[in-house]
Amino acid sequence: MPKTIELDCPPGHPRPGDLIADVIKGTGLPLKEAKSRVFGCWCWDYSEVPDEQWEKIRPILKERIVSLYNRGLIRYGSW
């Protein structure tokens, strides 16, 4: 299973880099540079995170990313 976070924003503001800190806040994941940036779609790689820790974090990431989508801040997100 890939351990990545992907945020795709529509043109304009905010950009994915503006949103990632709130997505990972309190999870223990470090804030880092995106491994890829293609227009509004940015992806962060967390492959170094142990499987057990990632499985505990995923529900938090899901809730926060779905909230961004429902508020119209992103077009797509994955975790």
N, C-alpha and C. Protein backbone atom coordinates (compact mmCIF):
# COMPACT_ATOMS: atom_id res chain seq x y z
N MET A 1 0.85 -1.17 0.00
CA MET A 1 0.00 0.00 0.00
C MET A 1 0.90 1.24 0.00
N PRO A 2 0.63 2.17 -0.92
CA PRO A 2 1.44 3.39 -0.91
C PRO A 2 1.12 4.25 0.31
N LYS A 3 2.12 4.85 0.84
CA LYS A 3 1.95 5.76 1.99
C LYS A 3 2.18 7.17 1.47
N THR A 4 1.15 7.67 0.83
CA THR A 4 1.23 9.01 0.25
C THR A 4 -0.02 9.80 0.60
N ILE A 5 0.10 11.10 0.52
CA ILE A 5 -1.03 12.01 0.64
C ILE A 5 -1.05 12.84 -0.63
N GLU A 6 -2.19 12.85 -1.30
CA GLU A 6 -2.33 13.60 -2.54
C GLU A 6 -3.47 14.60 -2.40
N LEU A 7 -3.20 15.84 -2.74
CA LEU A 7 -4.21 16.89 -2.71
C LEU A 7 -4.21 17.59 -4.06
N ASP A 8 -5.38 17.70 -4.66
CA ASP A 8 -5.53 18.35 -5.97
C ASP A 8 -6.48 19.52 -5.82
N CYS A 9 -5.96 20.73 -5.98
CA CYS A 9 -6.75 21.96 -5.83
C CYS A 9 -7.13 22.53 -7.18
N PRO A 10 -8.27 23.20 -7.25
CA PRO A 10 -8.62 23.92 -8.47
C PRO A 10 -7.68 25.12 -8.63
N PRO A 11 -7.67 25.75 -9.81
CA PRO A 11 -6.82 26.93 -10.00
C PRO A 11 -7.12 28.02 -8.97
N GLY A 12 -6.11 28.78 -8.64
CA GLY A 12 -6.26 29.86 -7.67
C GLY A 12 -5.75 29.46 -6.30
N HIS A 13 -6.36 30.03 -5.29
CA HIS A 13 -5.94 29.76 -3.91
C HIS A 13 -7.07 29.09 -3.16
N PRO A 14 -6.76 28.21 -2.19
CA PRO A 14 -5.44 27.86 -1.71
C PRO A 14 -4.77 26.83 -2.61
N ARG A 15 -3.48 26.64 -2.40
CA ARG A 15 -2.70 25.61 -3.07
C ARG A 15 -2.55 24.44 -2.09
N PRO A 16 -2.25 23.24 -2.60
CA PRO A 16 -2.09 22.09 -1.70
C PRO A 16 -1.09 22.33 -0.58
N GLY A 17 -0.02 23.05 -0.87
CA GLY A 17 0.97 23.33 0.15
C GLY A 17 0.45 24.18 1.29
N ASP A 18 -0.64 24.90 1.03
CA ASP A 18 -1.28 25.71 2.08
C ASP A 18 -2.14 24.84 3.00
N LEU A 19 -2.52 23.66 2.53
CA LEU A 19 -3.48 22.82 3.25
C LEU A 19 -2.85 21.64 3.99
N ILE A 20 -1.68 21.20 3.56
CA ILE A 20 -1.11 19.96 4.09
C ILE A 20 -0.85 20.03 5.59
N ALA A 21 -0.43 21.17 6.11
CA ALA A 21 -0.12 21.26 7.55
C ALA A 21 -1.33 20.91 8.41
N ASP A 22 -2.51 21.37 8.00
CA ASP A 22 -3.72 21.05 8.77
C ASP A 22 -4.13 19.60 8.60
N VAL A 23 -3.82 19.00 7.45
CA VAL A 23 -4.15 17.59 7.23
C VAL A 23 -3.34 16.70 8.15
N ILE A 24 -2.06 17.00 8.34
CA ILE A 24 -1.19 16.12 9.13
C ILE A 24 -1.05 16.56 10.59
N LYS A 25 -1.63 17.68 10.97
CA LYS A 25 -1.49 18.22 12.33
C LYS A 25 -1.86 17.16 13.39
N GLY A 26 -0.96 16.97 14.35
CA GLY A 26 -1.23 16.07 15.46
C GLY A 26 -1.10 14.59 15.14
N THR A 27 -0.69 14.24 13.91
CA THR A 27 -0.57 12.83 13.53
C THR A 27 0.83 12.27 13.76
N GLY A 28 1.79 13.15 13.98
CA GLY A 28 3.18 12.72 14.10
C GLY A 28 3.91 12.70 12.77
N LEU A 29 3.19 12.96 11.67
CA LEU A 29 3.85 13.03 10.37
C LEU A 29 4.58 14.36 10.25
N PRO A 30 5.80 14.32 9.71
CA PRO A 30 6.53 15.58 9.55
C PRO A 30 6.03 16.36 8.35
N LEU A 31 6.10 17.67 8.45
CA LEU A 31 5.80 18.53 7.31
C LEU A 31 7.03 18.50 6.41
N LYS A 32 6.82 18.19 5.14
CA LYS A 32 7.94 18.07 4.21
C LYS A 32 7.53 18.62 2.86
N GLU A 33 8.49 18.70 1.97
CA GLU A 33 8.22 19.14 0.60
C GLU A 33 7.46 18.04 -0.15
N ALA A 34 6.59 18.45 -1.04
CA ALA A 34 5.87 17.48 -1.87
C ALA A 34 6.86 16.78 -2.80
N LYS A 35 6.66 15.47 -3.02
CA LYS A 35 7.56 14.74 -3.92
C LYS A 35 7.24 15.05 -5.37
N SER A 36 5.99 15.46 -5.64
CA SER A 36 5.63 15.85 -7.00
C SER A 36 4.60 16.97 -6.95
N ARG A 37 4.70 17.83 -7.94
CA ARG A 37 3.76 18.95 -8.08
C ARG A 37 3.43 19.07 -9.56
N VAL A 38 2.23 18.69 -9.91
CA VAL A 38 1.76 18.81 -11.29
C VAL A 38 0.55 19.73 -11.26
N PHE A 39 0.76 20.96 -11.65
CA PHE A 39 -0.27 21.99 -11.58
C PHE A 39 -0.83 22.03 -10.15
N GLY A 40 -2.11 21.75 -9.97
CA GLY A 40 -2.71 21.81 -8.64
C GLY A 40 -2.67 20.51 -7.87
N CYS A 41 -2.08 19.47 -8.45
CA CYS A 41 -2.03 18.15 -7.81
C CYS A 41 -0.64 17.92 -7.21
N TRP A 42 -0.58 17.89 -5.90
CA TRP A 42 0.68 17.69 -5.19
C TRP A 42 0.60 16.38 -4.41
N CYS A 43 1.74 15.70 -4.30
CA CYS A 43 1.79 14.41 -3.60
C CYS A 43 2.98 14.39 -2.64
N TRP A 44 2.70 13.94 -1.42
CA TRP A 44 3.73 13.80 -0.38
C TRP A 44 3.95 12.33 -0.11
N ASP A 45 5.21 11.92 -0.02
CA ASP A 45 5.57 10.53 0.20
C ASP A 45 5.93 10.31 1.67
N TYR A 46 5.25 9.36 2.29
CA TYR A 46 5.53 9.00 3.68
C TYR A 46 5.87 7.52 3.78
N SER A 47 6.62 7.00 2.80
CA SER A 47 6.94 5.58 2.77
C SER A 47 7.79 5.14 3.96
N GLU A 48 8.44 6.09 4.64
CA GLU A 48 9.28 5.75 5.79
C GLU A 48 8.46 5.47 7.05
N VAL A 49 7.18 5.78 7.05
CA VAL A 49 6.33 5.59 8.22
C VAL A 49 6.02 4.09 8.39
N PRO A 50 6.20 3.55 9.58
CA PRO A 50 5.88 2.13 9.80
C PRO A 50 4.41 1.83 9.48
N ASP A 51 4.16 0.63 8.97
CA ASP A 51 2.80 0.23 8.57
C ASP A 51 1.78 0.42 9.69
N GLU A 52 2.12 0.00 10.89
CA GLU A 52 1.18 0.09 12.01
C GLU A 52 0.81 1.54 12.31
N GLN A 53 1.79 2.42 12.29
CA GLN A 53 1.53 3.84 12.52
C GLN A 53 0.66 4.41 11.40
N TRP A 54 0.97 4.06 10.15
CA TRP A 54 0.21 4.56 9.00
C TRP A 54 -1.26 4.14 9.10
N GLU A 55 -1.50 2.91 9.49
CA GLU A 55 -2.88 2.41 9.60
C GLU A 55 -3.66 3.18 10.68
N LYS A 56 -2.99 3.60 11.74
CA LYS A 56 -3.66 4.39 12.78
C LYS A 56 -3.96 5.81 12.31
N ILE A 57 -3.10 6.34 11.46
CA ILE A 57 -3.24 7.72 10.98
C ILE A 57 -4.26 7.84 9.86
N ARG A 58 -4.41 6.82 9.05
CA ARG A 58 -5.27 6.89 7.85
C ARG A 58 -6.69 7.39 8.11
N PRO A 59 -7.39 6.94 9.16
CA PRO A 59 -8.74 7.46 9.39
C PRO A 59 -8.76 8.97 9.65
N ILE A 60 -7.73 9.48 10.31
CA ILE A 60 -7.63 10.93 10.56
C ILE A 60 -7.43 11.66 9.24
N LEU A 61 -6.51 11.14 8.41
CA LEU A 61 -6.26 11.75 7.11
C LEU A 61 -7.53 11.75 6.27
N LYS A 62 -8.23 10.63 6.27
CA LYS A 62 -9.47 10.52 5.49
C LYS A 62 -10.47 11.60 5.91
N GLU A 63 -10.70 11.71 7.19
CA GLU A 63 -11.68 12.68 7.69
C GLU A 63 -11.31 14.10 7.27
N ARG A 64 -10.05 14.44 7.40
CA ARG A 64 -9.61 15.80 7.08
C ARG A 64 -9.63 16.08 5.58
N ILE A 65 -9.23 15.10 4.78
CA ILE A 65 -9.22 15.29 3.32
C ILE A 65 -10.63 15.34 2.77
N VAL A 66 -11.51 14.49 3.27
CA VAL A 66 -12.92 14.53 2.84
C VAL A 66 -13.53 15.88 3.21
N SER A 67 -13.18 16.40 4.38
CA SER A 67 -13.69 17.71 4.78
C SER A 67 -13.22 18.81 3.81
N LEU A 68 -11.96 18.75 3.39
CA LEU A 68 -11.46 19.72 2.41
C LEU A 68 -12.25 19.63 1.11
N TYR A 69 -12.54 18.40 0.69
CA TYR A 69 -13.32 18.20 -0.53
C TYR A 69 -14.74 18.76 -0.38
N ASN A 70 -15.38 18.43 0.72
CA ASN A 70 -16.76 18.88 0.95
C ASN A 70 -16.86 20.40 1.04
N ARG A 71 -15.79 21.05 1.46
CA ARG A 71 -15.78 22.51 1.55
C ARG A 71 -15.34 23.17 0.24
N GLY A 72 -15.06 22.35 -0.77
CA GLY A 72 -14.68 22.89 -2.08
C GLY A 72 -13.25 23.38 -2.18
N LEU A 73 -12.42 23.03 -1.22
CA LEU A 73 -11.03 23.48 -1.23
C LEU A 73 -10.14 22.61 -2.11
N ILE A 74 -10.54 21.35 -2.32
CA ILE A 74 -9.80 20.45 -3.20
C ILE A 74 -10.77 19.79 -4.16
N ARG A 75 -10.23 19.35 -5.31
CA ARG A 75 -11.03 18.59 -6.28
C ARG A 75 -10.89 17.10 -6.04
N TYR A 76 -9.77 16.71 -5.43
CA TYR A 76 -9.47 15.30 -5.24
C TYR A 76 -8.47 15.19 -4.10
N GLY A 77 -8.55 14.09 -3.39
CA GLY A 77 -7.56 13.79 -2.37
C GLY A 77 -7.44 12.30 -2.17
N SER A 78 -6.25 11.85 -1.81
CA SER A 78 -6.06 10.43 -1.48
C SER A 78 -5.12 10.34 -0.29
N TRP A 79 -5.18 9.20 0.39
CA TRP A 79 -4.40 8.99 1.60
C TRP A 79 -4.05 7.53 1.72
